[in-house]
Amino acid sequence: MTAGPDGVSEAEAFVDALDATPPDAVTACRGWTTHELIAHLASGADAFADQVEAHLDGRPVPEFGAWDVREPPYRAMDDRTLRRRLVSAERRMSEQFRIMLDADPTVAVPDVGWGLPVAELVTHMRQEFAIHRWDLVGDDELGATILGRPDLIDHSVRLLGESLLRNGLARDPRPGEPLEVRLRCTEQPDLVLHVESGAGRLAFAAPHDAPNVIEMDPAARLLVLWGRHPQGAHRLRSSLTPPDLGRLQAVLVGY
């Protein structure tokens, strides 16, 4: 399983968390139980592995496929079969990614993973396992470690920012008014959200005095960006007015 910079694998942490999680447990990912989460991750890992294998074999690369087409066969599996499939799919995906990166660390193939560099696809799946692990178990020490890795939020901001804001901007209660909020972590750049005229953007910037700041730990910042709600009164501290805080929460709802 692909590991993060400190050697801890997000995928392995997710699989370990399944030991204490029944398939019908309701998760923090809206509308999904544990079984649907596993189906989502297993089908995605298989789809990436299928694409890379086809590319390496010189065969036509299959489409990644929309989730509503890709996931139903996995949801139809019984729990034990699906869990085994997740482990085998993740291993197959990681091995195929490794083969490509060993040959060229900067490789990108137009038909594989939306044309993103393979290294970014690795980070994307690490992030998926990290966030969905939190959906299973909530806040804990291991989650704080893996969710707080800077490369995960950097990936989200650079490559997924528009997608992460799309649903929330459609629900913005005051789209005609500009809003700028800084999501701040100690000794890290601020993550600045700017909303105006129905559009939004995310960017990192050096910290400075500003009226609208929410201070939080790095793991909480990734979760908030993805529309999650980390627990604990000490984790998020806001200088926003109640209307602006409510507006921020409306915009940051994730996918």
Protein backbone atom coordinates (compact mmCIF):
# COMPACT_ATOMS: atom_id res chain seq x y z
CA MET A 1 0.00 0.00 0.00
CA THR A 2 1.26 3.47 -0.91
CA ALA A 3 2.55 5.29 2.18
CA GLY A 4 2.80 8.96 3.03
CA PRO A 5 6.04 10.86 3.63
CA ASP A 6 6.45 9.43 7.14
CA GLY A 7 5.87 5.83 6.05
CA VAL A 8 2.28 5.53 7.32
CA SER A 9 -0.13 4.36 4.63
CA GLU A 10 -3.49 6.11 4.48
CA ALA A 11 -4.99 3.07 2.76
CA GLU A 12 -3.71 0.71 5.45
CA ALA A 13 -5.09 3.03 8.13
CA PHE A 14 -8.48 2.95 6.41
CA VAL A 15 -8.50 -0.85 6.14
CA ASP A 16 -7.48 -1.19 9.79
CA ALA A 17 -10.38 1.07 10.79
CA LEU A 18 -12.79 -1.29 9.04
CA ASP A 19 -12.07 -3.95 11.67
CA ALA A 20 -14.27 -2.05 14.13
CA THR A 21 -16.83 -0.78 11.60
CA PRO A 22 -19.90 -2.80 10.53
CA PRO A 23 -21.03 -2.46 6.90
CA ASP A 24 -24.32 -0.75 7.78
CA ALA A 25 -22.73 1.91 10.02
CA VAL A 26 -23.77 5.41 8.94
CA THR A 27 -20.68 7.47 8.12
CA ALA A 28 -19.90 11.19 8.05
CA CYS A 29 -19.95 11.08 4.25
CA ARG A 30 -23.49 12.20 3.45
CA GLY A 31 -25.82 9.42 2.36
CA TRP A 32 -23.31 6.60 2.68
CA THR A 33 -22.81 3.70 5.04
CA THR A 34 -19.49 1.93 5.43
CA HIS A 35 -20.43 -0.42 2.59
CA GLU A 36 -20.90 2.45 0.12
CA LEU A 37 -17.59 4.01 1.18
CA ILE A 38 -15.74 0.76 0.54
CA ALA A 39 -17.45 0.38 -2.85
CA HIS A 40 -16.42 3.92 -3.79
CA LEU A 41 -12.76 3.35 -2.94
CA ALA A 42 -12.52 -0.18 -4.37
CA SER A 43 -14.13 0.77 -7.67
CA GLY A 44 -11.87 3.80 -8.01
CA ALA A 45 -8.73 1.78 -7.30
CA ASP A 46 -9.75 -0.88 -9.81
CA ALA A 47 -10.51 1.77 -12.43
CA PHE A 48 -7.08 3.37 -12.07
CA ALA A 49 -5.38 -0.04 -12.15
CA ASP A 50 -7.32 -1.02 -15.27
CA GLN A 51 -6.30 2.19 -17.01
CA VAL A 52 -2.60 1.87 -16.22
CA GLU A 53 -2.48 -1.83 -17.10
CA ALA A 54 -4.12 -1.15 -20.46
CA HIS A 55 -1.69 1.68 -21.17
CA LEU A 56 1.35 -0.43 -20.29
CA ASP A 57 0.05 -3.34 -22.39
CA GLY A 58 -0.58 -1.09 -25.39
CA ARG A 59 -4.34 -1.72 -25.28
CA PRO A 60 -7.08 0.93 -25.54
CA VAL A 61 -7.43 2.62 -22.16
CA PRO A 62 -10.92 2.21 -20.65
CA GLU A 63 -12.77 5.23 -19.33
CA PHE A 64 -12.57 5.85 -15.61
CA GLY A 65 -16.36 5.98 -15.54
CA ALA A 66 -18.83 8.02 -13.53
CA TRP A 67 -19.40 6.84 -9.98
CA ASP A 68 -23.07 5.99 -10.63
CA VAL A 69 -21.97 3.58 -13.37
CA ARG A 70 -18.79 2.27 -11.74
CA GLU A 71 -19.94 1.64 -8.17
CA PRO A 72 -23.25 -0.34 -8.29
CA PRO A 73 -21.57 -3.72 -9.05
CA TYR A 74 -19.35 -3.21 -6.02
CA ARG A 75 -22.26 -2.24 -3.79
CA ALA A 76 -23.95 -5.48 -4.86
CA MET A 77 -21.09 -7.55 -3.38
CA ASP A 78 -21.48 -9.01 0.08
CA ASP A 79 -19.48 -7.31 2.82
CA ARG A 80 -16.67 -9.86 3.11
CA THR A 81 -16.13 -10.02 -0.66
CA LEU A 82 -16.13 -6.25 -1.00
CA ARG A 83 -13.57 -5.77 1.77
CA ARG A 84 -11.25 -8.30 0.16
CA ARG A 85 -11.76 -6.59 -3.18
CA LEU A 86 -10.75 -3.23 -1.70
CA VAL A 87 -7.43 -4.62 -0.46
CA SER A 88 -6.62 -6.35 -3.75
CA ALA A 89 -7.68 -3.35 -5.84
CA GLU A 90 -5.57 -0.93 -3.81
CA ARG A 91 -2.52 -3.18 -4.06
CA ARG A 92 -2.97 -3.61 -7.81
CA MET A 93 -3.40 0.15 -8.30
CA SER A 94 -0.35 0.98 -6.17
CA GLU A 95 1.80 -1.53 -8.04
CA GLN A 96 0.79 -0.13 -11.42
CA PHE A 97 1.45 3.42 -10.26
CA ARG A 98 4.86 2.31 -8.94
CA ILE A 99 5.82 0.77 -12.29
CA MET A 100 5.01 4.00 -14.11
CA LEU A 101 6.74 6.26 -11.59
CA ASP A 102 9.86 4.09 -11.49
CA ALA A 103 10.19 4.62 -15.23
CA ASP A 104 9.44 8.36 -15.10
CA PRO A 105 8.58 10.25 -11.87
CA THR A 106 6.89 13.01 -13.88
CA VAL A 107 4.86 10.76 -16.19
CA ALA A 108 1.36 11.81 -17.25
CA VAL A 109 -0.81 9.99 -19.79
CA PRO A 110 -3.78 11.80 -21.39
CA ASP A 111 -6.09 8.78 -21.11
CA VAL A 112 -5.12 7.81 -17.55
CA GLY A 113 -6.66 9.58 -14.58
CA TRP A 114 -7.95 12.64 -16.45
CA GLY A 115 -4.46 13.31 -17.77
CA LEU A 116 -3.05 14.28 -14.38
CA PRO A 117 0.53 13.32 -13.52
CA VAL A 118 0.59 9.85 -11.99
CA ALA A 119 2.24 11.28 -8.87
CA GLU A 120 -0.86 13.45 -8.40
CA LEU A 121 -3.12 10.42 -8.80
CA VAL A 122 -1.19 8.72 -6.00
CA THR A 123 -1.72 11.75 -3.77
CA HIS A 124 -5.38 11.91 -4.74
CA MET A 125 -6.02 8.35 -3.61
CA ARG A 126 -4.02 8.84 -0.41
CA GLN A 127 -6.28 11.80 0.32
CA GLU A 128 -9.42 9.78 -0.45
CA PHE A 129 -8.42 7.08 2.03
CA ALA A 130 -7.46 9.65 4.69
CA ILE A 131 -10.70 11.64 4.50
CA HIS A 132 -12.94 8.60 4.28
CA ARG A 133 -11.17 7.04 7.25
CA TRP A 134 -12.25 10.11 9.23
CA ASP A 135 -15.78 9.53 7.92
CA LEU A 136 -15.62 6.14 9.66
CA VAL A 137 -13.92 6.90 12.97
CA GLY A 138 -13.93 10.68 13.47
CA ASP A 139 -11.13 12.51 15.26
CA ASP A 140 -8.18 10.54 16.60
CA GLU A 141 -4.40 10.85 16.84
CA LEU A 142 -3.63 8.86 13.71
CA GLY A 143 -6.18 10.85 11.74
CA ALA A 144 -4.60 14.11 12.88
CA THR A 145 -1.26 12.87 11.55
CA ILE A 146 -2.36 11.71 8.12
CA LEU A 147 -4.94 14.44 7.47
CA GLY A 148 -2.44 17.11 8.47
CA ARG A 149 0.08 16.21 5.77
CA PRO A 150 0.75 19.37 3.72
CA ASP A 151 0.82 17.58 0.37
CA LEU A 152 -2.81 16.51 0.77
CA ILE A 153 -4.28 19.98 1.19
CA ASP A 154 -1.89 21.33 -1.45
CA HIS A 155 -3.33 18.77 -3.87
CA SER A 156 -6.89 19.78 -2.96
CA VAL A 157 -6.27 23.49 -3.45
CA ARG A 158 -4.30 23.22 -6.69
CA LEU A 159 -6.35 20.60 -8.50
CA LEU A 160 -9.74 20.26 -6.81
CA GLY A 161 -10.57 23.77 -5.61
CA GLU A 162 -13.17 24.52 -8.27
CA SER A 163 -14.91 21.19 -7.71
CA LEU A 164 -14.88 21.55 -3.93
CA LEU A 165 -16.55 24.97 -4.14
CA ARG A 166 -19.12 24.26 -6.87
CA ASN A 167 -21.93 22.86 -4.70
CA GLY A 168 -21.45 25.39 -1.93
CA LEU A 169 -21.41 28.43 -4.21
CA ALA A 170 -24.80 27.36 -5.53
CA ARG A 171 -26.09 27.61 -1.93
CA ASP A 172 -24.40 30.89 -1.02
CA PRO A 173 -27.05 32.91 0.86
CA ARG A 174 -25.51 36.26 -0.20
CA PRO A 175 -23.83 35.70 -3.58
CA GLY A 176 -23.80 39.40 -4.43
CA GLU A 177 -21.58 40.31 -1.47
CA PRO A 178 -17.81 39.69 -1.48
CA LEU A 179 -16.36 37.55 1.30
CA GLU A 180 -12.75 36.73 2.10
CA VAL A 181 -11.84 34.31 4.88
CA ARG A 182 -8.43 33.06 5.98
CA LEU A 183 -8.18 29.48 7.25
CA ARG A 184 -5.07 29.69 9.41
CA CYS A 185 -2.72 27.07 10.85
CA THR A 186 0.28 27.91 13.00
CA GLU A 187 3.57 28.11 11.07
CA GLN A 188 1.86 27.45 7.72
CA PRO A 189 0.59 29.72 4.94
CA ASP A 190 -3.00 30.87 5.25
CA LEU A 191 -5.55 29.24 2.98
CA VAL A 192 -7.59 32.15 1.62
CA LEU A 193 -11.13 31.69 0.33
CA HIS A 194 -12.44 34.58 -1.76
CA VAL A 195 -16.08 34.61 -2.86
CA GLU A 196 -17.61 37.27 -5.08
CA SER A 197 -20.40 37.48 -7.69
CA GLY A 198 -21.21 33.79 -7.48
CA ALA A 199 -17.62 32.67 -8.03
CA GLY A 200 -14.95 31.51 -5.60
CA ARG A 201 -11.26 30.78 -5.49
CA LEU A 202 -8.78 29.22 -3.08
CA ALA A 203 -5.13 30.20 -2.71
CA PHE A 204 -2.33 30.05 -0.18
CA ALA A 205 -0.92 33.34 1.10
CA ALA A 206 1.42 34.59 3.79
CA PRO A 207 -0.41 35.30 7.08
CA HIS A 208 -1.18 38.90 7.99
CA ASP A 209 -3.71 40.79 10.09
CA ALA A 210 -7.18 40.38 8.61
CA PRO A 211 -10.73 40.72 9.92
CA ASN A 212 -12.01 37.27 8.94
CA VAL A 213 -9.79 34.49 10.28
CA ILE A 214 -10.51 30.97 11.48
CA GLU A 215 -7.63 29.34 13.32
CA MET A 216 -7.42 25.56 13.25
CA ASP A 217 -5.03 22.63 13.19
CA PRO A 218 -3.84 21.28 9.80
CA ALA A 219 -6.03 18.17 9.89
CA ALA A 220 -9.11 20.24 10.67
CA ARG A 221 -8.33 22.56 7.75
CA LEU A 222 -8.40 19.72 5.24
CA LEU A 223 -11.62 18.39 6.74
CA VAL A 224 -13.31 21.80 6.67
CA LEU A 225 -12.29 22.28 3.05
CA TRP A 226 -13.97 18.97 2.23
CA GLY A 227 -17.19 19.94 4.02
CA ARG A 228 -16.56 17.92 7.17
CA HIS A 229 -17.07 19.06 10.76
CA PRO A 230 -14.17 18.18 13.09
CA GLN A 231 -15.19 17.94 16.72
CA GLY A 232 -13.80 19.68 19.78
CA ALA A 233 -14.26 23.29 20.82
CA HIS A 234 -10.50 23.90 20.75
CA ARG A 235 -9.99 22.91 17.11
CA LEU A 236 -11.63 25.86 15.33
CA ARG A 237 -11.59 29.44 16.60
CA SER A 238 -13.32 32.14 14.56
CA SER A 239 -13.24 35.94 14.38
CA LEU A 240 -16.11 36.00 11.84
CA THR A 241 -19.51 37.50 12.56
CA PRO A 242 -22.29 34.90 12.89
CA PRO A 243 -23.73 35.71 9.42
CA ASP A 244 -20.32 35.38 7.77
CA LEU A 245 -19.52 32.17 9.64
CA GLY A 246 -22.83 30.71 8.53
CA ARG A 247 -22.11 31.77 4.98
CA LEU A 248 -18.67 30.15 5.06
CA GLN A 249 -20.21 26.92 6.32
CA ALA A 250 -22.76 27.07 3.50
CA VAL A 251 -20.02 27.45 0.88
CA LEU A 252 -17.64 24.81 2.25
CA VAL A 253 -19.84 21.73 1.87
CA GLY A 254 -17.50 19.66 -0.32
CA TYR A 255 -18.74 17.46 -3.14
